[in-house]
Amino acid sequence: MNQFYFASGSRKEAVAKVWLYPKANNDNWKFIVNNQPAEKYFGRFDLILLAQQPLKVTNLLGYFDVKCEVKGGGKSGQAGAISLGIARALVAYQPELRKILADAELLKRDPREKERCKYGLAKRRKSFQWTKR
């Protein structure tokens, strides 16, 4: 397992470092997140599917062992960060996959962030109750 492909991805406040290790034999493939199996770490099947989406789109689901370190944010943002990191690592592995991943919009970083609180307002956009009399 000397050869690997590395990339990082981010989503909201989450930042993920992703390593892809090509498999030499046909044993079960591993998807490790913060030194735990992904099923145990996320606990939700839809987040695992979100993180694995670049591998499914390129039909490389069993070809790599995936190791991730992710910090910050919530579980959903972390799964999105891992997905972007896997997509970028696949482009490092084989540049011809860029077209497939770009058509599936998996190489775009989602720019949506938490909106800041404004002074004079109760929340981000909510204003205080107004009374006429």
C-alpha atoms as a PDB file:
ATOM      1  CA  MET A   1       0.000   0.000   0.000  1.00  0.00           C
ATOM      2  CA  ASN A   2       2.783   2.405  -0.905  1.00  0.00           C
ATOM      3  CA  GLN A   3       0.903   4.049  -3.784  1.00  0.00           C
ATOM      4  CA  PHE A   4      -1.942   6.339  -2.726  1.00  0.00           C
ATOM      5  CA  TYR A   5      -3.818   9.405  -3.955  1.00  0.00           C
ATOM      6  CA  PHE A   6      -4.478  12.324  -1.618  1.00  0.00           C
ATOM      7  CA  ALA A   7      -6.892  15.249  -1.776  1.00  0.00           C
ATOM      8  CA  SER A   8      -8.821  17.458   0.594  1.00  0.00           C
ATOM      9  CA  GLY A   9     -12.379  18.735   0.480  1.00  0.00           C
ATOM     10  CA  SER A  10     -14.511  21.121   2.481  1.00  0.00           C
ATOM     11  CA  ARG A  11     -18.193  21.835   3.036  1.00  0.00           C
ATOM     12  CA  LYS A  12     -19.642  24.392   5.468  1.00  0.00           C
ATOM     13  CA  GLU A  13     -17.270  24.238   8.457  1.00  0.00           C
ATOM     14  CA  ALA A  14     -16.040  20.677   7.769  1.00  0.00           C
ATOM     15  CA  VAL A  15     -12.617  19.915   6.263  1.00  0.00           C
ATOM     16  CA  ALA A  16     -11.701  16.403   5.111  1.00  0.00           C
ATOM     17  CA  LYS A  17      -8.372  14.836   4.158  1.00  0.00           C
ATOM     18  CA  VAL A  18      -8.853  11.789   1.918  1.00  0.00           C
ATOM     19  CA  TRP A  19      -6.411   9.028   0.946  1.00  0.00           C
ATOM     20  CA  LEU A  20      -7.296   6.488  -1.763  1.00  0.00           C
ATOM     21  CA  TYR A  21      -5.307   3.239  -1.732  1.00  0.00           C
ATOM     22  CA  PRO A  22      -5.660   1.009  -4.840  1.00  0.00           C
ATOM     23  CA  LYS A  23      -6.598  -2.540  -3.882  1.00  0.00           C
ATOM     24  CA  ALA A  24      -4.175  -5.310  -4.826  1.00  0.00           C
ATOM     25  CA  ASN A  25      -6.425  -8.281  -4.022  1.00  0.00           C
ATOM     26  CA  ASN A  26     -10.159  -8.972  -3.965  1.00  0.00           C
ATOM     27  CA  ASP A  27     -10.812  -8.830  -0.220  1.00  0.00           C
ATOM     28  CA  ASN A  28     -13.483  -6.542   1.236  1.00  0.00           C
ATOM     29  CA  TRP A  29     -12.850  -2.863   0.629  1.00  0.00           C
ATOM     30  CA  LYS A  30     -12.536  -0.519   3.572  1.00  0.00           C
ATOM     31  CA  PHE A  31     -14.069   2.919   4.077  1.00  0.00           C
ATOM     32  CA  ILE A  32     -12.510   4.381   7.233  1.00  0.00           C
ATOM     33  CA  VAL A  33     -13.480   7.774   8.688  1.00  0.00           C
ATOM     34  CA  ASN A  34     -11.496   9.036  11.701  1.00  0.00           C
ATOM     35  CA  ASN A  35     -10.197   5.500  12.409  1.00  0.00           C
ATOM     36  CA  GLN A  36     -13.729   4.043  12.473  1.00  0.00           C
ATOM     37  CA  PRO A  37     -15.767   2.242   9.811  1.00  0.00           C
ATOM     38  CA  ALA A  38     -18.006   4.708   7.981  1.00  0.00           C
ATOM     39  CA  GLU A  39     -21.150   2.830   9.066  1.00  0.00           C
ATOM     40  CA  LYS A  40     -20.218   3.288  12.710  1.00  0.00           C
ATOM     41  CA  TYR A  41     -19.013   6.892  12.343  1.00  0.00           C
ATOM     42  CA  PHE A  42     -21.956   8.312  10.381  1.00  0.00           C
ATOM     43  CA  GLY A  43     -24.694   6.003  11.652  1.00  0.00           C
ATOM     44  CA  ARG A  44     -26.912   7.014   8.716  1.00  0.00           C
ATOM     45  CA  PHE A  45     -26.939   5.199   5.415  1.00  0.00           C
ATOM     46  CA  ASP A  46     -27.781   8.299   3.341  1.00  0.00           C
ATOM     47  CA  LEU A  47     -24.610  10.080   4.503  1.00  0.00           C
ATOM     48  CA  ILE A  48     -22.514   7.056   3.524  1.00  0.00           C
ATOM     49  CA  LEU A  49     -24.116   7.109   0.062  1.00  0.00           C
ATOM     50  CA  LEU A  50     -23.376  10.846  -0.228  1.00  0.00           C
ATOM     51  CA  ALA A  51     -19.715  10.286   0.642  1.00  0.00           C
ATOM     52  CA  GLN A  52     -19.394   7.350  -1.807  1.00  0.00           C
ATOM     53  CA  GLN A  53     -21.103   9.114  -4.721  1.00  0.00           C
ATOM     54  CA  PRO A  54     -17.916   9.925  -6.733  1.00  0.00           C
ATOM     55  CA  LEU A  55     -16.865   6.259  -6.611  1.00  0.00           C
ATOM     56  CA  LYS A  56     -20.306   5.119  -7.783  1.00  0.00           C
ATOM     57  CA  VAL A  57     -20.477   7.618 -10.649  1.00  0.00           C
ATOM     58  CA  THR A  58     -17.082   6.474 -11.974  1.00  0.00           C
ATOM     59  CA  ASN A  59     -17.810   2.747 -11.338  1.00  0.00           C
ATOM     60  CA  LEU A  60     -14.764   2.456  -9.055  1.00  0.00           C
ATOM     61  CA  LEU A  61     -16.606   1.511  -5.856  1.00  0.00           C
ATOM     62  CA  GLY A  62     -14.576  -1.595  -5.017  1.00  0.00           C
ATOM     63  CA  TYR A  63     -11.230  -0.552  -6.468  1.00  0.00           C
ATOM     64  CA  PHE A  64      -9.959   1.668  -3.637  1.00  0.00           C
ATOM     65  CA  ASP A  65      -9.676   1.536   0.121  1.00  0.00           C
ATOM     66  CA  VAL A  66     -10.681   4.949   1.449  1.00  0.00           C
ATOM     67  CA  LYS A  67      -9.187   6.536   4.575  1.00  0.00           C
ATOM     68  CA  CYS A  68     -10.469   9.925   5.742  1.00  0.00           C
ATOM     69  CA  GLU A  69      -9.704  12.384   8.510  1.00  0.00           C
ATOM     70  CA  VAL A  70     -12.454  14.949   8.941  1.00  0.00           C
ATOM     71  CA  LYS A  71     -12.807  17.841  11.387  1.00  0.00           C
ATOM     72  CA  GLY A  72     -15.388  20.508  12.098  1.00  0.00           C
ATOM     73  CA  GLY A  73     -19.033  20.931  11.221  1.00  0.00           C
ATOM     74  CA  GLY A  74     -21.752  18.323  11.539  1.00  0.00           C
ATOM     75  CA  LYS A  75     -22.101  14.869  10.048  1.00  0.00           C
ATOM     76  CA  SER A  76     -23.829  16.093   6.874  1.00  0.00           C
ATOM     77  CA  GLY A  77     -21.163  18.699   6.145  1.00  0.00           C
ATOM     78  CA  GLN A  78     -18.461  16.126   6.846  1.00  0.00           C
ATOM     79  CA  ALA A  79     -20.015  13.683   4.361  1.00  0.00           C
ATOM     80  CA  GLY A  80     -20.071  16.437   1.715  1.00  0.00           C
ATOM     81  CA  ALA A  81     -16.445  17.299   2.435  1.00  0.00           C
ATOM     82  CA  ILE A  82     -15.433  13.637   2.077  1.00  0.00           C
ATOM     83  CA  SER A  83     -17.326  13.417  -1.225  1.00  0.00           C
ATOM     84  CA  LEU A  84     -15.446  16.408  -2.652  1.00  0.00           C
ATOM     85  CA  GLY A  85     -12.136  15.019  -1.393  1.00  0.00           C
ATOM     86  CA  ILE A  86     -12.766  11.629  -3.018  1.00  0.00           C
ATOM     87  CA  ALA A  87     -13.695  13.316  -6.308  1.00  0.00           C
ATOM     88  CA  ARG A  88     -10.498  15.377  -6.297  1.00  0.00           C
ATOM     89  CA  ALA A  89      -8.394  12.317  -5.437  1.00  0.00           C
ATOM     90  CA  LEU A  90      -9.966  10.396  -8.336  1.00  0.00           C
ATOM     91  CA  VAL A  91      -8.946  13.199 -10.708  1.00  0.00           C
ATOM     92  CA  ALA A  92      -5.396  12.914  -9.330  1.00  0.00           C
ATOM     93  CA  TYR A  93      -5.582   9.151 -10.010  1.00  0.00           C
ATOM     94  CA  GLN A  94      -6.913   9.471 -13.551  1.00  0.00           C
ATOM     95  CA  PRO A  95      -7.370  12.931 -15.138  1.00  0.00           C
ATOM     96  CA  GLU A  96      -9.826  11.518 -17.728  1.00  0.00           C
ATOM     97  CA  LEU A  97     -12.391  11.138 -14.913  1.00  0.00           C
ATOM     98  CA  ARG A  98     -12.655  14.941 -14.576  1.00  0.00           C
ATOM     99  CA  LYS A  99     -15.344  15.156 -17.306  1.00  0.00           C
ATOM    100  CA  ILE A 100     -17.520  12.475 -15.676  1.00  0.00           C
ATOM    101  CA  LEU A 101     -17.209  14.009 -12.210  1.00  0.00           C
ATOM    102  CA  ALA A 102     -17.762  17.549 -13.489  1.00  0.00           C
ATOM    103  CA  ASP A 103     -20.917  16.503 -15.375  1.00  0.00           C
ATOM    104  CA  ALA A 104     -22.236  14.987 -12.126  1.00  0.00           C
ATOM    105  CA  GLU A 105     -21.294  18.283 -10.367  1.00  0.00           C
ATOM    106  CA  LEU A 106     -19.104  16.480  -7.836  1.00  0.00           C
ATOM    107  CA  LEU A 107     -16.049  18.720  -8.290  1.00  0.00           C
ATOM    108  CA  LYS A 108     -17.861  21.902  -7.245  1.00  0.00           C
ATOM    109  CA  ARG A 109     -17.490  23.142  -3.703  1.00  0.00           C
ATOM    110  CA  ASP A 110     -20.881  24.110  -2.281  1.00  0.00           C
ATOM    111  CA  PRO A 111     -20.417  27.806  -1.398  1.00  0.00           C
ATOM    112  CA  ARG A 112     -23.320  28.045   1.057  1.00  0.00           C
ATOM    113  CA  GLU A 113     -22.198  29.073   4.531  1.00  0.00           C
ATOM    114  CA  LYS A 114     -23.917  30.099   7.728  1.00  0.00           C
ATOM    115  CA  GLU A 115     -25.114  33.709   7.522  1.00  0.00           C
ATOM    116  CA  ARG A 116     -23.782  36.148  10.072  1.00  0.00           C
ATOM    117  CA  CYS A 117     -25.959  37.797  12.710  1.00  0.00           C
ATOM    118  CA  LYS A 118     -26.734  41.434  11.964  1.00  0.00           C
ATOM    119  CA  TYR A 119     -27.002  44.086  14.647  1.00  0.00           C
ATOM    120  CA  GLY A 120     -30.468  45.536  15.153  1.00  0.00           C
ATOM    121  CA  LEU A 121     -32.103  42.200  14.284  1.00  0.00           C
ATOM    122  CA  ALA A 122     -33.211  39.310  16.494  1.00  0.00           C
ATOM    123  CA  LYS A 123     -31.554  36.619  14.359  1.00  0.00           C
ATOM    124  CA  ARG A 124     -29.937  36.552  10.930  1.00  0.00           C
ATOM    125  CA  ARG A 125     -32.989  38.041   9.164  1.00  0.00           C
ATOM    126  CA  LYS A 126     -35.713  38.069  11.803  1.00  0.00           C
ATOM    127  CA  SER A 127     -36.549  41.481  13.177  1.00  0.00           C
ATOM    128  CA  PHE A 128     -37.901  42.329  16.608  1.00  0.00           C
ATOM    129  CA  GLN A 129     -41.665  42.512  17.062  1.00  0.00           C
ATOM    130  CA  TRP A 130     -43.055  45.907  16.052  1.00  0.00           C
ATOM    131  CA  THR A 131     -45.932  47.437  17.954  1.00  0.00           C
ATOM    132  CA  LYS A 132     -47.893  50.372  16.650  1.00  0.00           C
ATOM    133  CA  ARG A 133     -49.132  51.641  20.030  1.00  0.00           C
END
